[in-house]
Amino acid sequence: MGELSKLPNIGKVVEEQLNQVGITTVDQLIDLGSKEAWLRIKAIDESACINRLQGIEGAIQGLKKKDLPEDIKKDLSEFYQTHK
């Protein structure tokens, strides 16, 4: 497992998917942002859901996805609804 799996919410499968879409470092993930990273994963895995999107955002912020602020959860939910 690489450096991404050291972040909260990022397990082996999500790390492998991030690597497949060209995201291999924490800095790349932060620069790209959760929404773009999720869209790239969604392009290779139709099952990518809101939980994965929230998990990626949590990883960027250093939080478990359940601990994301409500306004961020709402924003991600709206984004997910328009892109699912």
PDB file of N, CA and C in Angstrom:
ATOM      1  N   MET A   1       0.843  -1.181   0.000  1.00  0.00           N
ATOM      2  CA  MET A   1       0.000   0.000   0.000  1.00  0.00           C
ATOM      3  C   MET A   1       0.888   1.244   0.000  1.00  0.00           C
ATOM      4  N   GLY A   2       0.412   2.274  -0.649  1.00  0.00           N
ATOM      5  CA  GLY A   2       1.197   3.480  -0.811  1.00  0.00           C
ATOM      6  C   GLY A   2       0.826   4.578   0.154  1.00  0.00           C
ATOM      7  N   GLU A   3       1.223   5.789  -0.205  1.00  0.00           N
ATOM      8  CA  GLU A   3       1.019   6.917   0.712  1.00  0.00           C
ATOM      9  C   GLU A   3      -0.446   7.307   0.846  1.00  0.00           C
ATOM     10  N   LEU A   4      -1.252   7.091  -0.197  1.00  0.00           N
ATOM     11  CA  LEU A   4      -2.656   7.481  -0.123  1.00  0.00           C
ATOM     12  C   LEU A   4      -3.417   6.681   0.922  1.00  0.00           C
ATOM     13  N   SER A   5      -3.062   5.424   1.099  1.00  0.00           N
ATOM     14  CA  SER A   5      -3.776   4.583   2.066  1.00  0.00           C
ATOM     15  C   SER A   5      -3.494   4.986   3.515  1.00  0.00           C
ATOM     16  N   LYS A   6      -2.564   5.879   3.713  1.00  0.00           N
ATOM     17  CA  LYS A   6      -2.299   6.388   5.058  1.00  0.00           C
ATOM     18  C   LYS A   6      -3.322   7.449   5.465  1.00  0.00           C
ATOM     19  N   LEU A   7      -4.080   7.946   4.487  1.00  0.00           N
ATOM     20  CA  LEU A   7      -5.112   8.945   4.760  1.00  0.00           C
ATOM     21  C   LEU A   7      -6.364   8.264   5.306  1.00  0.00           C
ATOM     22  N   PRO A   8      -7.154   8.992   6.109  1.00  0.00           N
ATOM     23  CA  PRO A   8      -8.411   8.416   6.574  1.00  0.00           C
ATOM     24  C   PRO A   8      -9.313   8.075   5.376  1.00  0.00           C
ATOM     25  N   ASN A   9     -10.077   7.024   5.502  1.00  0.00           N
ATOM     26  CA  ASN A   9     -11.085   6.608   4.510  1.00  0.00           C
ATOM     27  C   ASN A   9     -10.516   5.978   3.245  1.00  0.00           C
ATOM     28  N   ILE A  10      -9.212   5.941   3.082  1.00  0.00           N
ATOM     29  CA  ILE A  10      -8.630   5.409   1.856  1.00  0.00           C
ATOM     30  C   ILE A  10      -8.063   4.016   2.144  1.00  0.00           C
ATOM     31  N   GLY A  11      -8.776   3.030   1.648  1.00  0.00           N
ATOM     32  CA  GLY A  11      -8.312   1.656   1.782  1.00  0.00           C
ATOM     33  C   GLY A  11      -7.622   1.216   0.500  1.00  0.00           C
ATOM     34  N   LYS A  12      -7.336  -0.060   0.444  1.00  0.00           N
ATOM     35  CA  LYS A  12      -6.590  -0.611  -0.682  1.00  0.00           C
ATOM     36  C   LYS A  12      -7.318  -0.402  -2.008  1.00  0.00           C
ATOM     37  N   VAL A  13      -8.621  -0.662  -2.046  1.00  0.00           N
ATOM     38  CA  VAL A  13      -9.382  -0.563  -3.305  1.00  0.00           C
ATOM     39  C   VAL A  13      -9.417   0.873  -3.811  1.00  0.00           C
ATOM     40  N   VAL A  14      -9.734   1.815  -2.933  1.00  0.00           N
ATOM     41  CA  VAL A  14      -9.814   3.214  -3.359  1.00  0.00           C
ATOM     42  C   VAL A  14      -8.431   3.721  -3.767  1.00  0.00           C
ATOM     43  N   GLU A  15      -7.412   3.324  -3.040  1.00  0.00           N
ATOM     44  CA  GLU A  15      -6.063   3.725  -3.423  1.00  0.00           C
ATOM     45  C   GLU A  15      -5.720   3.188  -4.816  1.00  0.00           C
ATOM     46  N   GLU A  16      -6.059   1.936  -5.072  1.00  0.00           N
ATOM     47  CA  GLU A  16      -5.793   1.367  -6.393  1.00  0.00           C
ATOM     48  C   GLU A  16      -6.553   2.122  -7.480  1.00  0.00           C
ATOM     49  N   GLN A  17      -7.786   2.485  -7.201  1.00  0.00           N
ATOM     50  CA  GLN A  17      -8.559   3.249  -8.191  1.00  0.00           C
ATOM     51  C   GLN A  17      -7.946   4.627  -8.411  1.00  0.00           C
ATOM     52  N   LEU A  18      -7.558   5.286  -7.359  1.00  0.00           N
ATOM     53  CA  LEU A  18      -6.915   6.592  -7.514  1.00  0.00           C
ATOM     54  C   LEU A  18      -5.652   6.455  -8.359  1.00  0.00           C
ATOM     55  N   ASN A  19      -4.867   5.434  -8.087  1.00  0.00           N
ATOM     56  CA  ASN A  19      -3.655   5.200  -8.879  1.00  0.00           C
ATOM     57  C   ASN A  19      -3.995   4.970 -10.344  1.00  0.00           C
ATOM     58  N   GLN A  20      -5.049   4.208 -10.608  1.00  0.00           N
ATOM     59  CA  GLN A  20      -5.458   3.918 -11.987  1.00  0.00           C
ATOM     60  C   GLN A  20      -5.823   5.175 -12.761  1.00  0.00           C
ATOM     61  N   VAL A  21      -6.341   6.176 -12.057  1.00  0.00           N
ATOM     62  CA  VAL A  21      -6.747   7.416 -12.736  1.00  0.00           C
ATOM     63  C   VAL A  21      -5.678   8.499 -12.641  1.00  0.00           C
ATOM     64  N   GLY A  22      -4.457   8.085 -12.252  1.00  0.00           N
ATOM     65  CA  GLY A  22      -3.322   9.005 -12.291  1.00  0.00           C
ATOM     66  C   GLY A  22      -3.049   9.786 -11.028  1.00  0.00           C
ATOM     67  N   ILE A  23      -3.698   9.416  -9.931  1.00  0.00           N
ATOM     68  CA  ILE A  23      -3.486  10.105  -8.662  1.00  0.00           C
ATOM     69  C   ILE A  23      -2.701   9.161  -7.762  1.00  0.00           C
ATOM     70  N   THR A  24      -1.429   9.500  -7.540  1.00  0.00           N
ATOM     71  CA  THR A  24      -0.572   8.592  -6.779  1.00  0.00           C
ATOM     72  C   THR A  24       0.018   9.219  -5.522  1.00  0.00           C
ATOM     73  N   THR A  25      -0.179  10.515  -5.347  1.00  0.00           N
ATOM     74  CA  THR A  25       0.366  11.186  -4.157  1.00  0.00           C
ATOM     75  C   THR A  25      -0.720  11.998  -3.461  1.00  0.00           C
ATOM     76  N   VAL A  26      -0.481  12.276  -2.201  1.00  0.00           N
ATOM     77  CA  VAL A  26      -1.408  13.097  -1.424  1.00  0.00           C
ATOM     78  C   VAL A  26      -1.519  14.490  -2.044  1.00  0.00           C
ATOM     79  N   ASP A  27      -0.394  15.051  -2.456  1.00  0.00           N
ATOM     80  CA  ASP A  27      -0.422  16.387  -3.062  1.00  0.00           C
ATOM     81  C   ASP A  27      -1.271  16.411  -4.329  1.00  0.00           C
ATOM     82  N   GLN A  28      -1.161  15.384  -5.147  1.00  0.00           N
ATOM     83  CA  GLN A  28      -1.995  15.314  -6.362  1.00  0.00           C
ATOM     84  C   GLN A  28      -3.468  15.275  -5.989  1.00  0.00           C
ATOM     85  N   LEU A  29      -3.809  14.487  -4.971  1.00  0.00           N
ATOM     86  CA  LEU A  29      -5.204  14.383  -4.545  1.00  0.00           C
ATOM     87  C   LEU A  29      -5.711  15.723  -4.040  1.00  0.00           C
ATOM     88  N   ILE A  30      -4.924  16.382  -3.237  1.00  0.00           N
ATOM     89  CA  ILE A  30      -5.320  17.686  -2.697  1.00  0.00           C
ATOM     90  C   ILE A  30      -5.482  18.701  -3.825  1.00  0.00           C
ATOM     91  N   ASP A  31      -4.521  18.741  -4.745  1.00  0.00           N
ATOM     92  CA  ASP A  31      -4.584  19.696  -5.854  1.00  0.00           C
ATOM     93  C   ASP A  31      -5.805  19.460  -6.740  1.00  0.00           C
ATOM     94  N   LEU A  32      -6.125  18.204  -6.971  1.00  0.00           N
ATOM     95  CA  LEU A  32      -7.253  17.862  -7.847  1.00  0.00           C
ATOM     96  C   LEU A  32      -8.589  18.088  -7.158  1.00  0.00           C
ATOM     97  N   GLY A  33      -8.645  17.768  -5.885  1.00  0.00           N
ATOM     98  CA  GLY A  33      -9.891  17.900  -5.129  1.00  0.00           C
ATOM     99  C   GLY A  33     -10.734  16.639  -5.208  1.00  0.00           C
ATOM    100  N   SER A  34     -11.625  16.519  -4.251  1.00  0.00           N
ATOM    101  CA  SER A  34     -12.433  15.301  -4.144  1.00  0.00           C
ATOM    102  C   SER A  34     -13.382  15.114  -5.316  1.00  0.00           C
ATOM    103  N   LYS A  35     -13.955  16.198  -5.796  1.00  0.00           N
ATOM    104  CA  LYS A  35     -14.950  16.070  -6.873  1.00  0.00           C
ATOM    105  C   LYS A  35     -14.307  15.557  -8.155  1.00  0.00           C
ATOM    106  N   GLU A  36     -13.197  16.129  -8.546  1.00  0.00           N
ATOM    107  CA  GLU A  36     -12.523  15.685  -9.771  1.00  0.00           C
ATOM    108  C   GLU A  36     -11.974  14.276  -9.600  1.00  0.00           C
ATOM    109  N   ALA A  37     -11.416  13.984  -8.438  1.00  0.00           N
ATOM    110  CA  ALA A  37     -10.912  12.625  -8.191  1.00  0.00           C
ATOM    111  C   ALA A  37     -12.046  11.619  -8.290  1.00  0.00           C
ATOM    112  N   TRP A  38     -13.185  11.947  -7.706  1.00  0.00           N
ATOM    113  CA  TRP A  38     -14.345  11.051  -7.751  1.00  0.00           C
ATOM    114  C   TRP A  38     -14.847  10.879  -9.179  1.00  0.00           C
ATOM    115  N   LEU A  39     -14.908  11.964  -9.942  1.00  0.00           N
ATOM    116  CA  LEU A  39     -15.347  11.854 -11.339  1.00  0.00           C
ATOM    117  C   LEU A  39     -14.436  10.928 -12.131  1.00  0.00           C
ATOM    118  N   ARG A  40     -13.143  11.010 -11.874  1.00  0.00           N
ATOM    119  CA  ARG A  40     -12.202  10.129 -12.566  1.00  0.00           C
ATOM    120  C   ARG A  40     -12.437   8.673 -12.173  1.00  0.00           C
ATOM    121  N   ILE A  41     -12.691   8.428 -10.889  1.00  0.00           N
ATOM    122  CA  ILE A  41     -12.985   7.062 -10.451  1.00  0.00           C
ATOM    123  C   ILE A  41     -14.310   6.597 -11.046  1.00  0.00           C
ATOM    124  N   LYS A  42     -15.289   7.466 -11.056  1.00  0.00           N
ATOM    125  CA  LYS A  42     -16.613   7.125 -11.610  1.00  0.00           C
ATOM    126  C   LYS A  42     -16.492   6.702 -13.072  1.00  0.00           C
ATOM    127  N   ALA A  43     -15.559   7.276 -13.789  1.00  0.00           N
ATOM    128  CA  ALA A  43     -15.363   6.940 -15.203  1.00  0.00           C
ATOM    129  C   ALA A  43     -14.875   5.498 -15.383  1.00  0.00           C
ATOM    130  N   ILE A  44     -14.220   4.950 -14.359  1.00  0.00           N
ATOM    131  CA  ILE A  44     -13.733   3.566 -14.467  1.00  0.00           C
ATOM    132  C   ILE A  44     -14.536   2.603 -13.594  1.00  0.00           C
ATOM    133  N   ASP A  45     -15.387   3.151 -12.709  1.00  0.00           N
ATOM    134  CA  ASP A  45     -16.173   2.308 -11.805  1.00  0.00           C
ATOM    135  C   ASP A  45     -17.545   2.939 -11.597  1.00  0.00           C
ATOM    136  N   GLU A  46     -18.516   2.458 -12.341  1.00  0.00           N
ATOM    137  CA  GLU A  46     -19.873   3.010 -12.263  1.00  0.00           C
ATOM    138  C   GLU A  46     -20.486   2.895 -10.875  1.00  0.00           C
ATOM    139  N   SER A  47     -19.937   2.010 -10.031  1.00  0.00           N
ATOM    140  CA  SER A  47     -20.515   1.837  -8.698  1.00  0.00           C
ATOM    141  C   SER A  47     -20.029   2.892  -7.698  1.00  0.00           C
ATOM    142  N   ALA A  48     -19.167   3.811  -8.135  1.00  0.00           N
ATOM    143  CA  ALA A  48     -18.669   4.852  -7.217  1.00  0.00           C
ATOM    144  C   ALA A  48     -19.860   5.652  -6.680  1.00  0.00           C
ATOM    145  N   CYS A  49     -19.983   5.687  -5.359  1.00  0.00           N
ATOM    146  CA  CYS A  49     -21.167   6.273  -4.735  1.00  0.00           C
ATOM    147  C   CYS A  49     -20.811   7.500  -3.889  1.00  0.00           C
ATOM    148  N   ILE A  50     -21.839   8.040  -3.262  1.00  0.00           N
ATOM    149  CA  ILE A  50     -21.666   9.223  -2.416  1.00  0.00           C
ATOM    150  C   ILE A  50     -20.683   8.942  -1.278  1.00  0.00           C
ATOM    151  N   ASN A  51     -20.680   7.716  -0.769  1.00  0.00           N
ATOM    152  CA  ASN A  51     -19.760   7.380   0.322  1.00  0.00           C
ATOM    153  C   ASN A  51     -18.309   7.505  -0.120  1.00  0.00           C
ATOM    154  N   ARG A  52     -18.030   7.123  -1.350  1.00  0.00           N
ATOM    155  CA  ARG A  52     -16.659   7.240  -1.853  1.00  0.00           C
ATOM    156  C   ARG A  52     -16.294   8.719  -2.003  1.00  0.00           C
ATOM    157  N   LEU A  53     -17.210   9.510  -2.516  1.00  0.00           N
ATOM    158  CA  LEU A  53     -16.974  10.951  -2.663  1.00  0.00           C
ATOM    159  C   LEU A  53     -16.704  11.589  -1.305  1.00  0.00           C
ATOM    160  N   GLN A  54     -17.539  11.289  -0.325  1.00  0.00           N
ATOM    161  CA  GLN A  54     -17.343  11.844   1.010  1.00  0.00           C
ATOM    162  C   GLN A  54     -16.051  11.321   1.635  1.00  0.00           C
ATOM    163  N   GLY A  55     -15.744  10.075   1.376  1.00  0.00           N
ATOM    164  CA  GLY A  55     -14.506   9.510   1.906  1.00  0.00           C
ATOM    165  C   GLY A  55     -13.277  10.209   1.359  1.00  0.00           C
ATOM    166  N   ILE A  56     -13.308  10.510   0.071  1.00  0.00           N
ATOM    167  CA  ILE A  56     -12.171  11.211  -0.544  1.00  0.00           C
ATOM    168  C   ILE A  56     -12.046  12.621   0.034  1.00  0.00           C
ATOM    169  N   GLU A  57     -13.168  13.307   0.189  1.00  0.00           N
ATOM    170  CA  GLU A  57     -13.124  14.650   0.783  1.00  0.00           C
ATOM    171  C   GLU A  57     -12.592  14.576   2.216  1.00  0.00           C
ATOM    172  N   GLY A  58     -13.066  13.602   2.960  1.00  0.00           N
ATOM    173  CA  GLY A  58     -12.563  13.424   4.323  1.00  0.00           C
ATOM    174  C   GLY A  58     -11.067  13.166   4.342  1.00  0.00           C
ATOM    175  N   ALA A  59     -10.601  12.352   3.400  1.00  0.00           N
ATOM    176  CA  ALA A  59      -9.166  12.063   3.321  1.00  0.00           C
ATOM    177  C   ALA A  59      -8.375  13.345   3.094  1.00  0.00           C
ATOM    178  N   ILE A  60      -8.868  14.190   2.215  1.00  0.00           N
ATOM    179  CA  ILE A  60      -8.192  15.460   1.928  1.00  0.00           C
ATOM    180  C   ILE A  60      -8.144  16.343   3.178  1.00  0.00           C
ATOM    181  N   GLN A  61      -9.237  16.323   3.942  1.00  0.00           N
ATOM    182  CA  GLN A  61      -9.313  17.170   5.137  1.00  0.00           C
ATOM    183  C   GLN A  61      -8.738  16.510   6.385  1.00  0.00           C
ATOM    184  N   GLY A  62      -8.360  15.224   6.266  1.00  0.00           N
ATOM    185  CA  GLY A  62      -7.812  14.520   7.419  1.00  0.00           C
ATOM    186  C   GLY A  62      -8.870  14.088   8.414  1.00  0.00           C
ATOM    187  N   LEU A  63     -10.099  13.853   7.918  1.00  0.00           N
ATOM    188  CA  LEU A  63     -11.224  13.493   8.777  1.00  0.00           C
ATOM    189  C   LEU A  63     -11.867  12.193   8.323  1.00  0.00           C
ATOM    190  N   LYS A  64     -12.489  11.482   9.247  1.00  0.00           N
ATOM    191  CA  LYS A  64     -13.373  10.395   8.866  1.00  0.00           C
ATOM    192  C   LYS A  64     -14.571  11.033   8.163  1.00  0.00           C
ATOM    193  N   LYS A  65     -15.113  10.340   7.164  1.00  0.00           N
ATOM    194  CA  LYS A  65     -16.199  10.959   6.388  1.00  0.00           C
ATOM    195  C   LYS A  65     -17.390  11.341   7.246  1.00  0.00           C
ATOM    196  N   LYS A  66     -17.646  10.602   8.319  1.00  0.00           N
ATOM    197  CA  LYS A  66     -18.772  10.927   9.205  1.00  0.00           C
ATOM    198  C   LYS A  66     -18.555  12.246   9.942  1.00  0.00           C
ATOM    199  N   ASP A  67     -17.310  12.691  10.017  1.00  0.00           N
ATOM    200  CA  ASP A  67     -16.986  13.917  10.744  1.00  0.00           C
ATOM    201  C   ASP A  67     -16.917  15.165   9.856  1.00  0.00           C
ATOM    202  N   LEU A  68     -17.225  15.006   8.573  1.00  0.00           N
ATOM    203  CA  LEU A  68     -17.251  16.175   7.688  1.00  0.00           C
ATOM    204  C   LEU A  68     -18.336  17.144   8.146  1.00  0.00           C
ATOM    205  N   PRO A  69     -18.090  18.439   8.059  1.00  0.00           N
ATOM    206  CA  PRO A  69     -19.125  19.415   8.406  1.00  0.00           C
ATOM    207  C   PRO A  69     -20.363  19.243   7.523  1.00  0.00           C
ATOM    208  N   GLU A  70     -21.518  19.545   8.078  1.00  0.00           N
ATOM    209  CA  GLU A  70     -22.783  19.353   7.366  1.00  0.00           C
ATOM    210  C   GLU A  70     -22.853  20.140   6.061  1.00  0.00           C
ATOM    211  N   ASP A  71     -22.291  21.353   6.026  1.00  0.00           N
ATOM    212  CA  ASP A  71     -22.351  22.138   4.791  1.00  0.00           C
ATOM    213  C   ASP A  71     -21.545  21.463   3.673  1.00  0.00           C
ATOM    214  N   ILE A  72     -20.455  20.829   4.019  1.00  0.00           N
ATOM    215  CA  ILE A  72     -19.662  20.117   3.011  1.00  0.00           C
ATOM    216  C   ILE A  72     -20.398  18.866   2.555  1.00  0.00           C
ATOM    217  N   LYS A  73     -21.007  18.151   3.491  1.00  0.00           N
ATOM    218  CA  LYS A  73     -21.803  16.974   3.118  1.00  0.00           C
ATOM    219  C   LYS A  73     -22.928  17.367   2.161  1.00  0.00           C
ATOM    220  N   LYS A  74     -23.582  18.488   2.447  1.00  0.00           N
ATOM    221  CA  LYS A  74     -24.672  18.954   1.588  1.00  0.00           C
ATOM    222  C   LYS A  74     -24.152  19.290   0.192  1.00  0.00           C
ATOM    223  N   ASP A  75     -23.033  20.002   0.123  1.00  0.00           N
ATOM    224  CA  ASP A  75     -22.442  20.363  -1.159  1.00  0.00           C
ATOM    225  C   ASP A  75     -22.066  19.110  -1.953  1.00  0.00           C
ATOM    226  N   LEU A  76     -21.460  18.145  -1.294  1.00  0.00           N
ATOM    227  CA  LEU A  76     -21.073  16.908  -1.976  1.00  0.00           C
ATOM    228  C   LEU A  76     -22.298  16.132  -2.433  1.00  0.00           C
ATOM    229  N   SER A  77     -23.348  16.135  -1.631  1.00  0.00           N
ATOM    230  CA  SER A  77     -24.577  15.438  -1.996  1.00  0.00           C
ATOM    231  C   SER A  77     -25.206  16.059  -3.245  1.00  0.00           C
ATOM    232  N   GLU A  78     -25.221  17.373  -3.302  1.00  0.00           N
ATOM    233  CA  GLU A  78     -25.763  18.061  -4.480  1.00  0.00           C
ATOM    234  C   GLU A  78     -24.914  17.751  -5.713  1.00  0.00           C
ATOM    235  N   PHE A  79     -23.605  17.765  -5.559  1.00  0.00           N
ATOM    236  CA  PHE A  79     -22.711  17.424  -6.662  1.00  0.00           C
ATOM    237  C   PHE A  79     -22.971  15.994  -7.124  1.00  0.00           C
ATOM    238  N   TYR A  80     -23.072  15.080  -6.164  1.00  0.00           N
ATOM    239  CA  TYR A  80     -23.309  13.673  -6.492  1.00  0.00           C
ATOM    240  C   TYR A  80     -24.623  13.512  -7.267  1.00  0.00           C
ATOM    241  N   GLN A  81     -25.651  14.181  -6.821  1.00  0.00           N
ATOM    242  CA  GLN A  81     -26.967  14.052  -7.476  1.00  0.00           C
ATOM    243  C   GLN A  81     -26.908  14.492  -8.951  1.00  0.00           C
ATOM    244  N   THR A  82     -26.084  15.449  -9.263  1.00  0.00           N
ATOM    245  CA  THR A  82     -26.003  15.917 -10.646  1.00  0.00           C
ATOM    246  C   THR A  82     -25.043  15.092 -11.504  1.00  0.00           C
ATOM    247  N   HIS A  83     -24.248  14.229 -10.869  1.00  0.00           N
ATOM    248  CA  HIS A  83     -23.242  13.463 -11.624  1.00  0.00           C
ATOM    249  C   HIS A  83     -23.352  11.951 -11.501  1.00  0.00           C
ATOM    250  N   LYS A  84     -24.371  11.467 -10.771  1.00  0.00           N
ATOM    251  CA  LYS A  84     -24.446  10.021 -10.586  1.00  0.00           C
ATOM    252  C   LYS A  84     -24.923   9.298 -11.818  1.00  0.00           C
TER     253      LYS A  84
END
